[in-house]
N, C-alpha and C. Protein backbone atom coordinates (compact mmCIF):
# COMPACT_ATOMS: atom_id res chain seq x y z
N MET A 1 41.15 78.16 1.51
CA MET A 1 42.29 77.26 2.65
C MET A 1 42.98 76.44 1.50
N ALA A 2 44.21 75.99 2.79
CA ALA A 2 45.00 75.50 1.43
C ALA A 2 44.63 73.40 1.16
N ARG A 3 44.96 73.07 0.79
CA ARG A 3 44.70 71.87 0.46
C ARG A 3 45.63 70.63 0.94
N VAL A 4 44.79 69.92 1.27
CA VAL A 4 46.07 68.54 2.60
C VAL A 4 46.77 68.31 1.47
N ARG A 5 48.20 68.04 2.13
CA ARG A 5 49.24 67.81 1.27
C ARG A 5 48.96 65.68 1.23
N LEU A 6 48.22 65.61 -0.05
CA LEU A 6 48.73 64.01 0.18
C LEU A 6 49.75 63.08 -0.08
N SER A 7 49.66 61.97 0.33
CA SER A 7 50.94 61.07 -0.70
C SER A 7 50.54 60.31 -2.06
N VAL A 8 51.57 60.51 -2.48
CA VAL A 8 51.92 60.06 -3.90
C VAL A 8 49.90 58.89 -4.11
N GLN A 9 50.34 57.94 -3.25
CA GLN A 9 49.29 56.93 -3.25
C GLN A 9 48.12 57.62 -2.65
N GLU A 10 47.90 58.28 -2.22
CA GLU A 10 46.29 58.85 -1.98
C GLU A 10 46.15 60.23 -2.55
N ARG A 11 47.12 60.76 -3.20
CA ARG A 11 46.61 61.38 -4.52
C ARG A 11 46.69 60.60 -5.75
N ARG A 12 46.35 59.37 -5.79
CA ARG A 12 46.59 58.79 -7.25
C ARG A 12 45.04 57.78 -7.14
N GLU A 13 44.66 57.49 -5.72
CA GLU A 13 43.46 57.15 -5.81
C GLU A 13 41.93 57.82 -5.40
N GLU A 14 42.59 59.23 -5.49
CA GLU A 14 41.79 60.70 -5.14
C GLU A 14 41.73 61.06 -6.90
N LEU A 15 42.00 60.98 -7.57
CA LEU A 15 41.99 60.87 -9.00
C LEU A 15 41.44 60.04 -9.63
N LEU A 16 41.27 58.85 -9.27
CA LEU A 16 40.61 57.59 -9.79
C LEU A 16 39.37 57.84 -9.65
N ARG A 17 39.23 58.13 -8.38
CA ARG A 17 37.86 58.05 -7.68
C ARG A 17 37.43 59.17 -8.87
N ALA A 18 37.75 60.24 -8.64
CA ALA A 18 37.58 61.26 -10.10
C ALA A 18 36.94 61.07 -11.25
N ALA A 19 37.79 60.01 -11.62
CA ALA A 19 38.03 59.36 -12.84
C ALA A 19 36.67 58.74 -13.05
N VAL A 20 36.71 57.88 -12.48
CA VAL A 20 35.00 56.79 -12.66
C VAL A 20 33.90 58.38 -11.96
N GLU A 21 34.06 59.32 -11.54
CA GLU A 21 32.87 59.53 -11.53
C GLU A 21 32.29 60.28 -12.67
N GLN A 22 33.44 60.51 -13.14
CA GLN A 22 33.42 61.62 -14.56
C GLN A 22 33.32 60.74 -16.14
N ILE A 23 33.64 60.01 -15.70
CA ILE A 23 33.56 58.50 -17.17
C ILE A 23 31.93 58.19 -16.69
N GLU A 24 31.14 58.08 -15.27
CA GLU A 24 29.90 57.61 -15.09
C GLU A 24 28.87 59.09 -16.07
N ALA A 25 29.32 60.02 -15.33
CA ALA A 25 28.64 61.34 -15.65
C ALA A 25 28.19 61.53 -17.51
N ARG A 26 29.97 62.11 -17.76
CA ARG A 26 30.12 61.72 -19.43
C ARG A 26 30.39 60.63 -20.60
N GLY A 27 30.70 59.63 -19.72
CA GLY A 27 31.31 58.56 -21.30
C GLY A 27 32.53 58.77 -21.56
N VAL A 28 32.72 57.88 -21.97
CA VAL A 28 34.55 57.61 -21.79
C VAL A 28 34.85 58.38 -23.49
N ALA A 29 34.22 58.51 -24.10
CA ALA A 29 34.40 59.69 -25.35
C ALA A 29 34.66 60.97 -25.25
N ALA A 30 33.70 61.01 -24.38
CA ALA A 30 33.98 62.76 -23.79
C ALA A 30 34.77 63.23 -22.88
N ILE A 31 35.27 62.15 -21.99
CA ILE A 31 36.31 63.17 -20.54
C ILE A 31 37.34 63.44 -21.14
N ARG A 32 37.75 64.26 -20.49
CA ARG A 32 39.09 65.03 -20.71
C ARG A 32 39.76 64.86 -19.43
N ILE A 33 40.91 65.20 -19.88
CA ILE A 33 41.67 65.08 -18.59
C ILE A 33 41.44 66.40 -17.84
N GLY A 34 41.04 67.47 -18.35
CA GLY A 34 40.76 68.47 -17.33
C GLY A 34 39.25 68.80 -17.29
N ASP A 35 38.39 67.42 -17.20
CA ASP A 35 37.59 67.14 -16.38
C ASP A 35 37.93 67.05 -15.39
N VAL A 36 38.31 65.69 -14.99
CA VAL A 36 39.20 65.08 -13.82
C VAL A 36 39.57 66.18 -13.22
N ALA A 37 40.41 67.36 -13.24
CA ALA A 37 41.09 67.97 -12.79
C ALA A 37 40.27 69.11 -12.04
N ALA A 38 39.04 69.71 -12.96
CA ALA A 38 38.16 70.87 -12.67
C ALA A 38 37.30 69.93 -11.04
N ALA A 39 37.31 68.75 -11.66
CA ALA A 39 36.90 68.32 -10.51
C ALA A 39 37.46 68.04 -9.36
N LEU A 40 38.39 67.93 -8.81
CA LEU A 40 38.77 68.53 -7.45
C LEU A 40 39.86 69.65 -8.24
N GLY A 41 39.97 70.06 -8.39
CA GLY A 41 40.35 72.13 -8.57
C GLY A 41 41.94 71.37 -8.32
N VAL A 42 42.42 71.09 -9.40
CA VAL A 42 44.19 70.94 -9.35
C VAL A 42 43.91 71.51 -10.90
N SER A 43 45.18 71.25 -11.60
CA SER A 43 45.88 71.41 -12.29
C SER A 43 45.53 70.07 -13.36
N ASN A 44 45.43 70.76 -14.88
CA ASN A 44 45.81 69.64 -15.78
C ASN A 44 46.93 68.56 -15.56
N ALA A 45 48.60 69.60 -15.42
CA ALA A 45 49.41 69.05 -14.99
C ALA A 45 49.67 67.89 -14.21
N LEU A 46 49.23 68.51 -13.39
CA LEU A 46 49.27 67.38 -11.74
C LEU A 46 48.32 66.09 -12.47
N VAL A 47 47.28 66.30 -13.24
CA VAL A 47 46.49 64.54 -13.91
C VAL A 47 47.59 63.89 -14.25
N LEU A 48 48.40 64.94 -14.92
CA LEU A 48 49.35 64.50 -16.18
C LEU A 48 50.50 63.68 -15.81
N TYR A 49 50.81 64.10 -14.60
CA TYR A 49 51.72 63.29 -13.81
C TYR A 49 51.89 62.74 -13.44
N HIS A 50 50.63 61.79 -12.94
CA HIS A 50 50.07 60.20 -12.51
C HIS A 50 50.31 59.74 -13.86
N PHE A 51 49.40 60.34 -14.89
CA PHE A 51 48.61 59.65 -16.03
C PHE A 51 49.13 59.90 -17.30
N SER A 52 49.98 59.68 -17.18
CA SER A 52 50.91 60.60 -19.09
C SER A 52 49.11 60.83 -19.81
N THR A 53 48.80 59.98 -19.90
CA THR A 53 47.43 60.29 -21.13
C THR A 53 46.23 60.07 -20.59
N LYS A 54 45.25 60.33 -21.54
CA LYS A 54 43.30 60.21 -21.11
C LYS A 54 43.76 58.84 -21.04
N GLU A 55 43.91 57.98 -22.13
CA GLU A 55 44.03 56.77 -22.17
C GLU A 55 44.36 55.84 -21.09
N LYS A 56 45.67 55.87 -20.78
CA LYS A 56 46.28 55.34 -19.27
C LYS A 56 45.12 55.71 -17.93
N LEU A 57 44.69 56.78 -18.51
CA LEU A 57 43.99 57.45 -16.81
C LEU A 57 42.40 56.53 -17.03
N VAL A 58 41.96 56.45 -18.32
CA VAL A 58 40.84 55.86 -18.57
C VAL A 58 40.86 54.42 -17.69
N ALA A 59 42.36 53.54 -18.59
CA ALA A 59 42.48 51.88 -18.20
C ALA A 59 42.67 51.89 -16.84
N ALA A 60 43.19 52.91 -16.14
CA ALA A 60 43.45 52.63 -14.61
C ALA A 60 42.57 53.05 -13.88
N ALA A 61 41.52 54.09 -13.64
CA ALA A 61 40.13 53.96 -13.57
C ALA A 61 39.07 52.56 -13.11
N PHE A 62 38.92 52.16 -14.80
CA PHE A 62 38.09 51.19 -14.54
C PHE A 62 38.73 49.93 -13.75
N THR A 63 40.26 49.64 -14.09
CA THR A 63 41.17 48.90 -12.90
C THR A 63 40.64 49.18 -11.68
N TYR A 64 40.99 50.37 -11.31
CA TYR A 64 40.29 50.33 -9.79
C TYR A 64 39.18 50.27 -9.78
N ALA A 65 38.18 50.78 -10.81
CA ALA A 65 36.85 50.46 -9.98
C ALA A 65 36.33 48.20 -10.16
N ALA A 66 37.00 47.98 -11.37
CA ALA A 66 37.10 46.47 -11.11
C ALA A 66 37.62 45.78 -9.27
N GLU A 67 39.05 45.87 -9.17
CA GLU A 67 39.58 45.64 -7.78
C GLU A 67 38.47 45.44 -7.13
N GLY A 68 37.64 46.99 -6.85
CA GLY A 68 36.96 47.00 -5.52
C GLY A 68 35.95 46.16 -5.83
N ASP A 69 35.22 45.84 -7.35
CA ASP A 69 34.17 44.94 -6.75
C ASP A 69 34.62 43.57 -7.21
N LEU A 70 35.88 43.78 -7.12
CA LEU A 70 36.03 41.78 -7.09
C LEU A 70 36.51 41.88 -5.51
N ALA A 71 37.32 42.74 -5.11
CA ALA A 71 37.36 42.42 -3.43
C ALA A 71 35.87 41.71 -2.67
N HIS A 72 35.17 42.01 -3.06
CA HIS A 72 34.03 42.81 -2.05
C HIS A 72 32.88 41.54 -2.69
N LEU A 73 33.45 41.08 -3.77
CA LEU A 73 32.59 39.36 -4.66
C LEU A 73 33.63 38.66 -3.67
N ARG A 74 35.12 37.99 -3.84
CA ARG A 74 35.84 37.52 -2.74
C ARG A 74 35.32 37.65 -1.08
N LYS A 75 34.80 38.70 -0.54
CA LYS A 75 34.39 38.74 0.76
C LYS A 75 33.08 37.93 0.74
N LEU A 76 31.97 38.36 -0.13
CA LEU A 76 30.87 37.56 -0.17
C LEU A 76 30.52 36.02 0.25
N LEU A 77 31.99 35.38 -1.20
CA LEU A 77 32.82 34.01 -1.35
C LEU A 77 32.87 33.47 -0.28
N ALA A 78 33.92 33.74 0.51
CA ALA A 78 34.83 33.35 1.26
C ALA A 78 33.77 33.29 3.08
N ARG A 79 32.03 33.76 2.80
CA ARG A 79 31.14 33.39 4.51
C ARG A 79 31.82 32.02 4.70
N ARG A 80 31.54 31.75 5.82
CA ARG A 80 31.65 30.53 6.44
C ARG A 80 30.10 29.86 6.40
N THR A 81 29.91 29.14 5.22
CA THR A 81 28.44 29.30 4.92
C THR A 81 28.39 28.20 3.83
N THR A 82 27.23 27.33 3.72
CA THR A 82 26.97 26.35 2.07
C THR A 82 28.00 27.10 0.96
N ALA A 83 28.08 27.01 -0.39
CA ALA A 83 28.18 27.67 -1.37
C ALA A 83 27.05 27.96 -1.55
N LEU A 84 25.84 27.25 -1.77
CA LEU A 84 24.27 27.57 -2.51
C LEU A 84 24.26 29.36 -2.04
N ARG A 85 24.17 29.32 -0.65
CA ARG A 85 24.24 30.70 0.07
C ARG A 85 25.13 31.83 -0.25
N ARG A 86 26.57 31.19 -0.69
CA ARG A 86 27.22 32.29 -0.95
C ARG A 86 27.49 32.65 -2.37
N LEU A 87 26.25 31.21 -3.16
CA LEU A 87 26.35 31.89 -4.76
C LEU A 87 25.31 32.93 -5.03
N ARG A 88 24.50 32.77 -3.92
CA ARG A 88 22.10 33.20 -3.97
C ARG A 88 23.63 34.91 -3.84
N ALA A 89 24.22 34.70 -2.15
CA ALA A 89 24.60 36.36 -1.84
C ALA A 89 25.29 37.02 -3.17
N ALA A 90 25.77 36.63 -3.55
CA ALA A 90 27.00 36.64 -5.29
C ALA A 90 26.09 37.39 -6.36
N VAL A 91 24.94 36.92 -6.48
CA VAL A 91 24.35 36.98 -8.01
C VAL A 91 23.90 38.00 -7.17
N ARG A 92 22.76 38.48 -5.98
CA ARG A 92 22.13 39.40 -5.96
C ARG A 92 23.21 40.62 -5.78
N TRP A 93 23.85 40.44 -5.03
CA TRP A 93 24.26 41.46 -5.25
C TRP A 93 25.34 42.24 -6.87
N TYR A 94 25.34 41.05 -7.10
CA TYR A 94 25.97 41.51 -9.05
C TYR A 94 24.65 41.57 -9.98
N ALA A 95 23.80 41.30 -9.87
CA ALA A 95 22.05 41.37 -9.92
C ALA A 95 22.15 42.83 -10.59
N PRO A 96 21.60 43.62 -11.57
CA PRO A 96 21.71 45.01 -11.51
C PRO A 96 20.14 45.35 -10.64
N THR A 97 19.96 44.32 -9.60
CA THR A 97 19.21 44.98 -8.74
C THR A 97 20.06 45.32 -7.62
N GLY A 98 20.87 44.75 -7.61
CA GLY A 98 21.70 45.28 -5.91
C GLY A 98 22.89 45.93 -6.90
N GLN A 99 23.78 46.45 -6.16
CA GLN A 99 24.30 47.06 -6.12
C GLN A 99 26.04 47.10 -6.62
N ALA A 100 25.85 46.13 -6.97
CA ALA A 100 27.51 45.46 -7.68
C ALA A 100 27.91 46.67 -8.43
N LYS A 101 29.19 47.23 -8.94
CA LYS A 101 28.89 47.92 -9.86
C LYS A 101 28.33 49.26 -9.97
N GLY A 102 29.11 49.92 -10.80
CA GLY A 102 28.20 51.52 -11.38
C GLY A 102 27.68 51.07 -12.84
N TRP A 103 26.32 50.38 -13.21
CA TRP A 103 26.31 49.56 -14.65
C TRP A 103 26.47 50.41 -15.75
N ARG A 104 26.29 51.44 -15.15
CA ARG A 104 26.40 52.76 -16.39
C ARG A 104 28.16 52.76 -17.00
N LEU A 105 29.00 52.61 -15.50
CA LEU A 105 29.88 52.66 -16.45
C LEU A 105 30.91 51.83 -16.37
N TRP A 106 29.94 50.41 -16.45
CA TRP A 106 30.85 49.46 -16.89
C TRP A 106 30.04 48.94 -18.49
N ILE A 107 28.93 49.44 -18.88
CA ILE A 107 28.78 49.15 -20.31
C ILE A 107 28.94 50.20 -21.62
N GLU A 108 29.79 51.78 -20.33
CA GLU A 108 30.91 52.26 -21.14
C GLU A 108 32.08 51.48 -20.90
N GLY A 109 32.36 51.28 -20.46
CA GLY A 109 33.78 50.05 -20.45
C GLY A 109 33.38 49.16 -21.37
N TRP A 110 32.66 48.41 -21.76
CA TRP A 110 32.51 46.96 -22.73
C TRP A 110 32.00 47.76 -24.24
N SER A 111 32.00 49.58 -24.12
CA SER A 111 31.58 49.88 -25.77
C SER A 111 32.81 50.20 -25.99
N ALA A 112 33.55 50.93 -25.24
CA ALA A 112 35.16 51.45 -25.38
C ALA A 112 36.24 50.48 -25.82
N SER A 113 35.93 49.34 -25.08
CA SER A 113 37.28 48.41 -24.99
C SER A 113 36.88 48.13 -26.66
N LEU A 114 35.70 48.25 -27.10
CA LEU A 114 35.85 48.13 -28.66
C LEU A 114 37.11 48.41 -29.36
N ARG A 115 37.24 49.27 -29.33
CA ARG A 115 38.19 50.22 -29.80
C ARG A 115 39.44 50.33 -29.15
N GLU A 116 39.56 50.49 -27.63
CA GLU A 116 40.65 50.85 -27.15
C GLU A 116 41.53 49.66 -26.08
N PRO A 117 42.41 49.14 -26.72
CA PRO A 117 43.03 47.73 -26.65
C PRO A 117 43.52 47.52 -24.99
N ALA A 118 44.08 48.65 -24.32
CA ALA A 118 44.42 48.75 -22.64
C ALA A 118 42.96 48.76 -22.01
N LEU A 119 41.72 48.97 -22.10
CA LEU A 119 40.71 48.91 -21.94
C LEU A 119 39.95 47.38 -22.41
N ARG A 120 40.46 46.84 -23.37
CA ARG A 120 40.02 45.26 -23.68
C ARG A 120 40.44 44.62 -22.64
N ASP A 121 41.53 44.90 -22.48
CA ASP A 121 42.98 43.91 -21.61
C ASP A 121 41.77 44.14 -20.42
N VAL A 122 41.74 45.32 -19.99
CA VAL A 122 40.99 45.71 -18.07
C VAL A 122 39.44 44.66 -18.59
N ALA A 123 38.88 44.86 -19.28
CA ALA A 123 37.37 44.17 -19.22
C ALA A 123 37.78 43.05 -18.68
N ARG A 124 38.16 42.33 -19.88
CA ARG A 124 38.70 40.37 -20.22
C ARG A 124 39.18 40.01 -18.75
N ASP A 125 40.04 40.49 -18.10
CA ASP A 125 40.76 40.01 -17.21
C ASP A 125 39.67 40.12 -16.01
N LEU A 126 38.89 41.44 -15.73
CA LEU A 126 37.72 41.47 -15.00
C LEU A 126 36.61 40.52 -14.89
N ASP A 127 36.52 40.11 -16.41
CA ASP A 127 35.66 39.22 -16.77
C ASP A 127 35.92 37.69 -16.67
N ARG A 128 37.07 37.24 -17.17
CA ARG A 128 37.85 36.04 -16.05
C ARG A 128 37.53 35.94 -14.91
N GLN A 129 38.33 36.84 -13.98
CA GLN A 129 37.95 36.62 -12.34
C GLN A 129 36.80 36.90 -11.90
N TRP A 130 35.79 37.08 -12.29
CA TRP A 130 34.49 36.89 -12.15
C TRP A 130 33.74 35.52 -12.67
N LYS A 131 33.95 34.54 -13.26
CA LYS A 131 34.02 33.46 -13.80
C LYS A 131 34.75 33.04 -13.23
N ALA A 132 36.07 32.78 -12.48
CA ALA A 132 36.85 31.78 -11.90
C ALA A 132 36.16 32.03 -10.45
N ALA A 133 35.39 33.22 -9.78
CA ALA A 133 35.55 33.69 -8.31
C ALA A 133 34.12 31.76 -8.40
N LEU A 134 33.37 32.79 -8.92
CA LEU A 134 32.08 31.79 -9.21
C LEU A 134 31.92 30.34 -9.62
N THR A 135 32.81 29.70 -10.71
CA THR A 135 33.19 28.80 -10.89
C THR A 135 33.82 27.68 -9.79
N GLU A 136 34.92 28.49 -9.25
CA GLU A 136 34.74 27.86 -8.15
C GLU A 136 34.49 27.30 -6.50
N VAL A 137 32.95 28.16 -6.81
CA VAL A 137 32.25 27.97 -5.52
C VAL A 137 31.29 27.24 -6.09
N ILE A 138 31.55 27.01 -7.20
CA ILE A 138 30.02 26.07 -7.91
C ILE A 138 30.39 25.04 -7.27
N ALA A 139 31.76 24.42 -7.71
CA ALA A 139 32.62 23.22 -7.99
C ALA A 139 32.54 22.87 -6.55
N GLU A 140 33.20 23.60 -5.52
CA GLU A 140 33.47 23.52 -4.16
C GLU A 140 31.26 22.72 -3.84
N GLY A 141 30.53 23.50 -3.87
CA GLY A 141 29.11 22.70 -3.99
C GLY A 141 28.79 21.39 -4.68
N VAL A 142 29.46 21.52 -5.82
CA VAL A 142 29.24 20.31 -6.47
C VAL A 142 30.14 19.43 -5.73
N ALA A 143 30.99 19.23 -5.05
CA ALA A 143 32.13 18.40 -4.62
C ALA A 143 31.51 18.34 -2.81
N ALA A 144 30.73 18.89 -1.92
CA ALA A 144 30.34 19.12 -1.34
C ALA A 144 28.66 18.13 -1.48
N GLY A 145 28.54 17.67 -2.02
CA GLY A 145 26.99 17.21 -2.19
C GLY A 145 25.66 18.00 -2.01
N GLU A 146 26.20 19.93 -2.53
CA GLU A 146 24.56 20.47 -2.48
C GLU A 146 23.60 20.95 -3.60
N PHE A 147 24.55 20.61 -4.91
CA PHE A 147 23.70 20.24 -5.99
C PHE A 147 24.33 19.47 -7.01
N GLU A 148 23.74 19.50 -8.17
CA GLU A 148 24.40 19.28 -9.17
C GLU A 148 25.18 19.67 -10.50
N CYS A 149 25.80 19.81 -10.88
CA CYS A 149 26.39 21.15 -11.95
C CYS A 149 27.45 19.58 -12.72
N PRO A 150 27.08 19.22 -13.91
CA PRO A 150 28.03 18.82 -14.45
C PRO A 150 29.24 19.75 -15.17
N SER A 151 28.96 20.63 -14.73
CA SER A 151 30.31 22.06 -15.71
C SER A 151 30.05 23.31 -14.90
N PRO A 152 30.94 23.84 -14.39
CA PRO A 152 30.76 24.88 -13.17
C PRO A 152 31.19 26.32 -14.11
N MET A 153 32.44 25.74 -14.53
CA MET A 153 32.66 27.06 -15.89
C MET A 153 31.64 27.08 -16.51
N ASP A 154 30.83 26.54 -17.45
CA ASP A 154 30.06 26.89 -18.43
C ASP A 154 28.44 27.74 -17.43
N THR A 155 28.40 26.91 -16.22
CA THR A 155 27.41 27.41 -15.27
C THR A 155 27.84 29.02 -15.22
N ALA A 156 29.13 29.65 -14.87
CA ALA A 156 29.10 30.90 -14.34
C ALA A 156 29.06 31.67 -15.70
N LEU A 157 29.60 31.27 -16.53
CA LEU A 157 29.62 31.89 -17.61
C LEU A 157 28.31 32.47 -18.19
N ARG A 158 27.67 30.66 -18.36
CA ARG A 158 25.89 31.52 -18.60
C ARG A 158 25.63 32.49 -17.04
N LEU A 159 25.06 32.07 -16.32
CA LEU A 159 24.84 32.91 -15.17
C LEU A 159 25.13 33.96 -15.49
N THR A 160 26.79 34.89 -15.01
CA THR A 160 27.17 36.32 -15.67
C THR A 160 26.78 36.81 -16.92
N ALA A 161 26.32 35.55 -17.94
CA ALA A 161 25.63 36.81 -18.98
C ALA A 161 24.58 36.72 -18.99
N LEU A 162 23.43 36.51 -18.30
CA LEU A 162 21.98 36.20 -17.68
C LEU A 162 21.90 37.88 -17.41
N LEU A 163 22.72 38.18 -16.40
CA LEU A 163 23.43 39.32 -15.38
C LEU A 163 23.41 40.36 -16.33
N ASP A 164 24.30 40.45 -17.03
CA ASP A 164 25.17 41.58 -17.64
C ASP A 164 24.32 42.01 -18.97
N GLY A 165 22.86 41.00 -19.14
CA GLY A 165 22.79 40.89 -20.06
C GLY A 165 21.14 42.08 -19.45
N LEU A 166 20.70 41.64 -18.76
CA LEU A 166 19.82 42.31 -17.38
C LEU A 166 20.18 43.98 -17.51
N ALA A 167 21.36 43.65 -16.66
CA ALA A 167 22.06 45.58 -16.88
C ALA A 167 21.65 46.75 -17.72
N VAL A 168 22.49 45.53 -18.70
CA VAL A 168 22.08 46.59 -20.27
C VAL A 168 20.48 46.69 -20.61
N GLN A 169 19.85 45.72 -20.45
CA GLN A 169 18.31 46.36 -20.54
C GLN A 169 17.52 47.34 -19.40
N MET A 170 17.96 47.37 -18.78
CA MET A 170 17.82 47.84 -17.36
C MET A 170 18.10 49.30 -17.37
N THR A 171 19.10 49.37 -17.64
CA THR A 171 20.08 50.65 -18.31
C THR A 171 19.92 51.32 -18.99
N ALA A 172 19.99 50.88 -20.18
CA ALA A 172 19.59 51.61 -21.21
C ALA A 172 18.44 51.65 -21.89
N TYR A 173 17.39 51.43 -21.43
CA TYR A 173 16.13 51.04 -21.58
C TYR A 173 15.26 51.43 -20.33
N GLU A 174 14.93 52.07 -20.17
CA GLU A 174 14.44 52.58 -18.47
C GLU A 174 13.04 52.08 -18.13
N GLY A 175 12.32 51.71 -18.12
CA GLY A 175 11.02 50.57 -17.71
C GLY A 175 10.99 48.92 -18.30
N ALA A 176 12.39 49.13 -19.34
CA ALA A 176 11.64 47.50 -20.17
C ALA A 176 11.75 46.32 -19.47
N VAL A 177 12.56 46.53 -18.29
CA VAL A 177 12.22 45.22 -17.48
C VAL A 177 12.38 45.78 -15.99
N SER A 178 11.38 45.38 -14.83
CA SER A 178 10.89 45.97 -13.08
C SER A 178 12.75 45.40 -12.28
N ARG A 179 12.74 45.89 -11.69
CA ARG A 179 13.46 45.15 -10.64
C ARG A 179 13.11 44.06 -10.37
N ALA A 180 11.41 43.72 -9.46
CA ALA A 180 10.99 42.40 -9.24
C ALA A 180 11.34 41.74 -10.09
N ARG A 181 11.14 41.31 -11.53
CA ARG A 181 11.07 40.74 -12.46
C ARG A 181 12.83 40.28 -12.83
N THR A 182 13.80 41.09 -12.78
CA THR A 182 15.33 40.94 -13.09
C THR A 182 15.25 40.06 -11.68
N GLN A 183 15.18 40.29 -10.81
CA GLN A 183 15.45 39.55 -8.99
C GLN A 183 14.79 37.94 -9.33
N GLN A 184 13.66 37.90 -9.77
CA GLN A 184 13.10 37.07 -10.19
C GLN A 184 13.99 35.62 -10.88
N TRP A 185 14.49 36.46 -11.89
CA TRP A 185 14.80 35.64 -13.22
C TRP A 185 16.49 34.99 -12.78
N ALA A 186 16.78 36.40 -12.28
CA ALA A 186 17.71 36.00 -11.95
C ALA A 186 18.27 34.84 -10.45
N ASP A 187 16.51 34.29 -9.31
CA ASP A 187 16.41 33.53 -8.34
C ASP A 187 16.49 32.04 -9.56
N GLU A 188 15.73 32.21 -10.69
CA GLU A 188 15.36 31.32 -11.34
C GLU A 188 16.53 30.79 -12.01
N ALA A 189 16.96 30.92 -12.77
CA ALA A 189 18.18 31.26 -13.47
C ALA A 189 19.21 30.15 -12.65
N LEU A 190 19.48 30.57 -10.95
CA LEU A 190 20.34 29.73 -10.16
C LEU A 190 20.09 28.63 -9.68
N ALA A 191 17.82 28.21 -9.44
CA ALA A 191 18.05 27.24 -8.91
C ALA A 191 18.30 26.37 -10.13
N ARG A 192 17.51 26.73 -11.46
CA ARG A 192 17.17 25.43 -12.78
C ARG A 192 19.13 25.65 -12.69
N GLU A 193 19.86 26.08 -12.93
CA GLU A 193 21.50 25.60 -13.33
C GLU A 193 22.03 24.52 -12.08
N LEU A 194 21.88 25.07 -10.17
CA LEU A 194 22.33 23.93 -9.64
C LEU A 194 20.99 23.03 -9.01
N PRO A 195 20.07 22.14 -9.52
CA PRO A 195 19.64 21.40 -8.92
C PRO A 195 20.07 20.58 -8.08
N PRO A 196 19.45 20.46 -6.37
CA PRO A 196 19.57 20.26 -5.79
C PRO A 196 20.38 18.43 -6.24
N ALA A 197 21.33 18.06 -5.91
CA ALA A 197 21.98 16.62 -5.57
C ALA A 197 21.22 15.92 -5.17
N VAL A 198 21.06 14.14 -5.72
CA VAL A 198 20.61 13.03 -5.80
C VAL A 198 20.62 12.12 -5.56
N GLU A 199 20.37 11.61 -3.85
CA GLU A 199 21.79 10.80 -4.00
C GLU A 199 20.91 9.43 -3.48
N GLN A 200 21.33 7.65 -4.25
CA GLN A 200 19.99 7.04 -4.12
C GLN A 200 18.32 7.61 -3.46
N GLY A 201 18.17 8.45 -5.04
CA GLY A 201 16.87 8.99 -5.23
C GLY A 201 16.11 9.62 -3.95
N ARG A 202 16.83 10.44 -3.32
CA ARG A 202 16.52 11.05 -2.21
C ARG A 202 18.00 12.53 -1.93
N PRO A 203 17.14 13.98 -1.93
CA PRO A 203 18.01 15.00 -2.21
C PRO A 203 19.05 15.22 -1.05
N ARG A 204 19.95 15.43 -1.73
CA ARG A 204 21.15 15.56 -0.73
C ARG A 204 20.70 17.00 -0.10
N GLY A 205 21.41 17.37 1.37
CA GLY A 205 21.03 18.76 2.33
C GLY A 205 19.72 19.09 2.03
């Protein structure tokens, strides 16, 4: 059966999805142009036409995955509800007990970025945007009198550092931490970082 002719953008997205799957399965170091081509039944030349090197393909694949995650994060944080509820939804989704990211993919990316400058730029930009989005909503909650937080930026850093670390433990060391315990720690961290605001001796909200 003849393959459906795709637009340039559709073909590029198809290749990026396949690359993400291959990175998750094989790792950044082991993946080859031929693996992505074989997964789709296309030629190596076609992959190279869109991404001239393996390094560019890998960096583009991580960018593609990051954009999808960031779009979902912004959707969660844009809901018409309290800042605290939006943050809880974001933390539960981001945490390794939720559906955020293929954690194996991102752990691969962090490791490879130590040697790949282009990939390091992608990882750094993703990290910056996650923290900026959380910082903004935390600041909104403080301004609305929902909770106290002397430094929204520092809180965003600590929360994401905790979740990233738990994700590594759960992904690299099966059974090291249970899903229930991970979720409990994430909820406790959010409550600890953002205690209810107090006005004239009484909690607000």
